[in-house]
Amino acid sequence: MNNVSYFDSAAGERKPHLGFYRYVISATGLCPQQTIFVDNKFDNILSARSLGFCGIIFEKEPAVRRALRNLVGSPIQRGHEFLRQNARNFQSVTKATPTQPSVVVEEHFAPLLILEATGQE
C-alpha cells in the first residue's frame, strides 16, 4: 500500500476541480477504482468519486480507521475476532409486544455453531 500526498500547487489545479485528480492519476499511473481517497471536504470526495476513486470523508480518526478496515480488511477475520472478543457475552433479545416485555436470553449456542461452521475451535 502506498501513501502518497499531492498538493494543489504541483498539479496547477485546485480540488475539487477534476483536473487535480486527473493530474494525480497521470503522475502516478494509479487506477482510481483501486484507490482510496480520504479528505475532510465533501466536495473533494464527490469529485474523486466521479472519477472512480473510493472516497472517505475524514471527520474523526476512529471512523476513518473503521471505514478503511471495512474496505481492505477480511470480513471473515473481523468476524472471528468479534466472536473471540465477545465470547460468553452474547445475548438474544425477544421483541416486546404490547402485552409482553422483551426477554433477554444469554446466548451460547449460536456462536458455537458459527465457529464450528467456519472450522474454528
C-alpha atoms as a PDB file:
ATOM      1  CA  MET A   1       0.000   0.000   0.000  1.00  0.00           C
ATOM      2  CA  ASN A   2       1.385   3.389  -0.986  1.00  0.00           C
ATOM      3  CA  ASN A   3       0.773   6.595   0.916  1.00  0.00           C
ATOM      4  CA  VAL A   4       1.242   9.494  -1.488  1.00  0.00           C
ATOM      5  CA  SER A   5       0.405  13.169  -0.993  1.00  0.00           C
ATOM      6  CA  TYR A   6      -0.084  15.670  -3.806  1.00  0.00           C
ATOM      7  CA  PHE A   7      -0.523  19.385  -3.381  1.00  0.00           C
ATOM      8  CA  ASP A   8      -2.704  21.664  -5.475  1.00  0.00           C
ATOM      9  CA  SER A   9       0.300  23.767  -6.497  1.00  0.00           C
ATOM     10  CA  ALA A  10       2.063  20.772  -8.089  1.00  0.00           C
ATOM     11  CA  ALA A  11      -0.969  19.998 -10.221  1.00  0.00           C
ATOM     12  CA  GLY A  12      -1.695  23.584 -11.223  1.00  0.00           C
ATOM     13  CA  GLU A  13      -5.299  22.821 -10.242  1.00  0.00           C
ATOM     14  CA  ARG A  14      -7.210  23.016  -7.012  1.00  0.00           C
ATOM     15  CA  LYS A  15      -9.509  20.439  -5.524  1.00  0.00           C
ATOM     16  CA  PRO A  16     -12.371  19.832  -6.189  1.00  0.00           C
ATOM     17  CA  HIS A  17     -11.643  20.557  -9.887  1.00  0.00           C
ATOM     18  CA  LEU A  18     -11.332  17.314 -11.814  1.00  0.00           C
ATOM     19  CA  GLY A  19      -8.037  18.466 -13.334  1.00  0.00           C
ATOM     20  CA  PHE A  20      -6.333  17.941  -9.981  1.00  0.00           C
ATOM     21  CA  TYR A  21      -7.424  14.310  -9.790  1.00  0.00           C
ATOM     22  CA  ARG A  22      -6.558  13.700 -13.447  1.00  0.00           C
ATOM     23  CA  TYR A  23      -3.081  15.099 -12.780  1.00  0.00           C
ATOM     24  CA  VAL A  24      -2.576  12.692  -9.862  1.00  0.00           C
ATOM     25  CA  ILE A  25      -3.829   9.766 -11.965  1.00  0.00           C
ATOM     26  CA  SER A  26      -1.458  10.712 -14.786  1.00  0.00           C
ATOM     27  CA  ALA A  27       1.532  11.344 -12.492  1.00  0.00           C
ATOM     28  CA  THR A  28       1.150   8.055 -10.639  1.00  0.00           C
ATOM     29  CA  GLY A  29      -0.424   5.717 -13.177  1.00  0.00           C
ATOM     30  CA  LEU A  30      -2.804   4.563 -10.476  1.00  0.00           C
ATOM     31  CA  CYS A  31      -6.178   3.023 -11.136  1.00  0.00           C
ATOM     32  CA  PRO A  32      -8.892   5.120  -9.428  1.00  0.00           C
ATOM     33  CA  GLN A  33     -11.069   2.029  -8.919  1.00  0.00           C
ATOM     34  CA  GLN A  34      -8.277   0.564  -6.770  1.00  0.00           C
ATOM     35  CA  THR A  35      -7.513   3.775  -4.868  1.00  0.00           C
ATOM     36  CA  ILE A  36      -8.942   5.150  -1.634  1.00  0.00           C
ATOM     37  CA  PHE A  37      -9.150   8.940  -1.357  1.00  0.00           C
ATOM     38  CA  VAL A  38      -9.541  10.464   2.123  1.00  0.00           C
ATOM     39  CA  ASP A  39     -10.366  14.148   2.554  1.00  0.00           C
ATOM     40  CA  ASN A  40     -12.145  16.383   5.038  1.00  0.00           C
ATOM     41  CA  LYS A  41     -14.261  18.167   2.416  1.00  0.00           C
ATOM     42  CA  PHE A  42     -17.314  16.504   0.926  1.00  0.00           C
ATOM     43  CA  ASP A  43     -16.976  18.341  -2.424  1.00  0.00           C
ATOM     44  CA  ASN A  44     -13.483  16.888  -2.857  1.00  0.00           C
ATOM     45  CA  ILE A  45     -14.779  13.391  -2.110  1.00  0.00           C
ATOM     46  CA  LEU A  46     -17.590  13.787  -4.666  1.00  0.00           C
ATOM     47  CA  SER A  47     -15.148  14.878  -7.381  1.00  0.00           C
ATOM     48  CA  ALA A  48     -12.833  11.962  -6.657  1.00  0.00           C
ATOM     49  CA  ARG A  49     -15.746   9.521  -6.681  1.00  0.00           C
ATOM     50  CA  SER A  50     -16.894  10.867 -10.064  1.00  0.00           C
ATOM     51  CA  LEU A  51     -13.593   9.581 -11.497  1.00  0.00           C
ATOM     52  CA  GLY A  52     -13.899   6.181  -9.829  1.00  0.00           C
ATOM     53  CA  PHE A  53     -11.983   6.680  -6.577  1.00  0.00           C
ATOM     54  CA  CYS A  54     -13.359   5.224  -3.371  1.00  0.00           C
ATOM     55  CA  GLY A  55     -13.847   8.309  -1.195  1.00  0.00           C
ATOM     56  CA  ILE A  56     -13.918   8.526   2.584  1.00  0.00           C
ATOM     57  CA  ILE A  57     -14.801  11.752   4.361  1.00  0.00           C
ATOM     58  CA  PHE A  58     -12.422  12.477   7.237  1.00  0.00           C
ATOM     59  CA  GLU A  59     -14.422  13.579  10.256  1.00  0.00           C
ATOM     60  CA  LYS A  60     -12.899  11.637  13.139  1.00  0.00           C
ATOM     61  CA  GLU A  61      -9.928   9.295  13.050  1.00  0.00           C
ATOM     62  CA  PRO A  62     -11.717   6.239  14.515  1.00  0.00           C
ATOM     63  CA  ALA A  63     -14.390   6.470  11.801  1.00  0.00           C
ATOM     64  CA  VAL A  64     -11.753   6.641   9.052  1.00  0.00           C
ATOM     65  CA  ARG A  65      -9.888   3.673  10.540  1.00  0.00           C
ATOM     66  CA  ARG A  66     -13.140   1.683  10.652  1.00  0.00           C
ATOM     67  CA  ALA A  67     -14.004   2.606   7.046  1.00  0.00           C
ATOM     68  CA  LEU A  68     -10.528   1.605   5.853  1.00  0.00           C
ATOM     69  CA  ARG A  69     -10.668  -1.664   7.797  1.00  0.00           C
ATOM     70  CA  ASN A  70     -14.061  -2.409   6.223  1.00  0.00           C
ATOM     71  CA  LEU A  71     -12.705  -1.712   2.731  1.00  0.00           C
ATOM     72  CA  VAL A  72      -9.423  -3.601   2.864  1.00  0.00           C
ATOM     73  CA  GLY A  73      -9.771  -5.982   5.798  1.00  0.00           C
ATOM     74  CA  SER A  74     -11.056  -9.522   5.722  1.00  0.00           C
ATOM     75  CA  PRO A  75     -14.688  -9.726   6.876  1.00  0.00           C
ATOM     76  CA  ILE A  76     -14.123 -13.335   7.931  1.00  0.00           C
ATOM     77  CA  GLN A  77     -11.135 -12.397  10.070  1.00  0.00           C
ATOM     78  CA  ARG A  78     -13.098  -9.497  11.614  1.00  0.00           C
ATOM     79  CA  GLY A  79     -15.975 -11.867  12.355  1.00  0.00           C
ATOM     80  CA  HIS A  80     -13.666 -14.345  14.089  1.00  0.00           C
ATOM     81  CA  GLU A  81     -12.102 -11.533  16.115  1.00  0.00           C
ATOM     82  CA  PHE A  82     -15.570 -10.351  17.149  1.00  0.00           C
ATOM     83  CA  LEU A  83     -16.551 -13.848  18.274  1.00  0.00           C
ATOM     84  CA  ARG A  84     -13.338 -14.252  20.279  1.00  0.00           C
ATOM     85  CA  GLN A  85     -13.606 -10.811  21.886  1.00  0.00           C
ATOM     86  CA  ASN A  86     -17.241 -11.322  22.836  1.00  0.00           C
ATOM     87  CA  ALA A  87     -17.072 -14.965  23.901  1.00  0.00           C
ATOM     88  CA  ARG A  88     -19.523 -15.686  26.742  1.00  0.00           C
ATOM     89  CA  ASN A  89     -21.103 -12.284  26.232  1.00  0.00           C
ATOM     90  CA  PHE A  90     -23.781 -12.886  23.588  1.00  0.00           C
ATOM     91  CA  GLN A  91     -27.434 -12.160  24.151  1.00  0.00           C
ATOM     92  CA  SER A  92     -30.613 -12.775  22.215  1.00  0.00           C
ATOM     93  CA  VAL A  93     -33.435 -10.333  22.856  1.00  0.00           C
ATOM     94  CA  THR A  94     -37.049 -11.091  22.062  1.00  0.00           C
ATOM     95  CA  LYS A  95     -39.227  -8.383  20.615  1.00  0.00           C
ATOM     96  CA  ALA A  96     -41.537  -6.689  23.087  1.00  0.00           C
ATOM     97  CA  THR A  97     -45.266  -6.739  22.399  1.00  0.00           C
ATOM     98  CA  PRO A  98     -47.985  -4.533  23.869  1.00  0.00           C
ATOM     99  CA  THR A  99     -48.689  -7.236  26.453  1.00  0.00           C
ATOM    100  CA  GLN A 100     -45.223  -8.783  26.955  1.00  0.00           C
ATOM    101  CA  PRO A 101     -41.882  -7.091  27.685  1.00  0.00           C
ATOM    102  CA  SER A 102     -38.794  -8.159  25.782  1.00  0.00           C
ATOM    103  CA  VAL A 103     -36.809 -11.028  27.261  1.00  0.00           C
ATOM    104  CA  VAL A 104     -33.008 -11.224  27.283  1.00  0.00           C
ATOM    105  CA  VAL A 105     -31.569 -14.718  26.883  1.00  0.00           C
ATOM    106  CA  GLU A 106     -27.859 -15.443  27.349  1.00  0.00           C
ATOM    107  CA  GLU A 107     -26.787 -16.960  24.036  1.00  0.00           C
ATOM    108  CA  HIS A 108     -24.034 -19.556  23.799  1.00  0.00           C
ATOM    109  CA  PHE A 109     -25.197 -21.957  21.106  1.00  0.00           C
ATOM    110  CA  ALA A 110     -25.278 -19.681  18.019  1.00  0.00           C
ATOM    111  CA  PRO A 111     -21.637 -18.507  18.361  1.00  0.00           C
ATOM    112  CA  LEU A 112     -20.558 -22.143  18.751  1.00  0.00           C
ATOM    113  CA  LEU A 113     -22.415 -23.056  15.561  1.00  0.00           C
ATOM    114  CA  ILE A 114     -20.726 -20.187  13.714  1.00  0.00           C
ATOM    115  CA  LEU A 115     -17.293 -21.210  14.959  1.00  0.00           C
ATOM    116  CA  GLU A 116     -17.879 -24.863  14.071  1.00  0.00           C
ATOM    117  CA  ALA A 117     -19.196 -23.973  10.612  1.00  0.00           C
ATOM    118  CA  THR A 118     -16.091 -21.884   9.927  1.00  0.00           C
ATOM    119  CA  GLY A 119     -13.650 -24.526  11.188  1.00  0.00           C
ATOM    120  CA  GLN A 120     -12.623 -22.703  14.358  1.00  0.00           C
ATOM    121  CA  GLU A 121     -12.090 -24.353  17.738  1.00  0.00           C
END
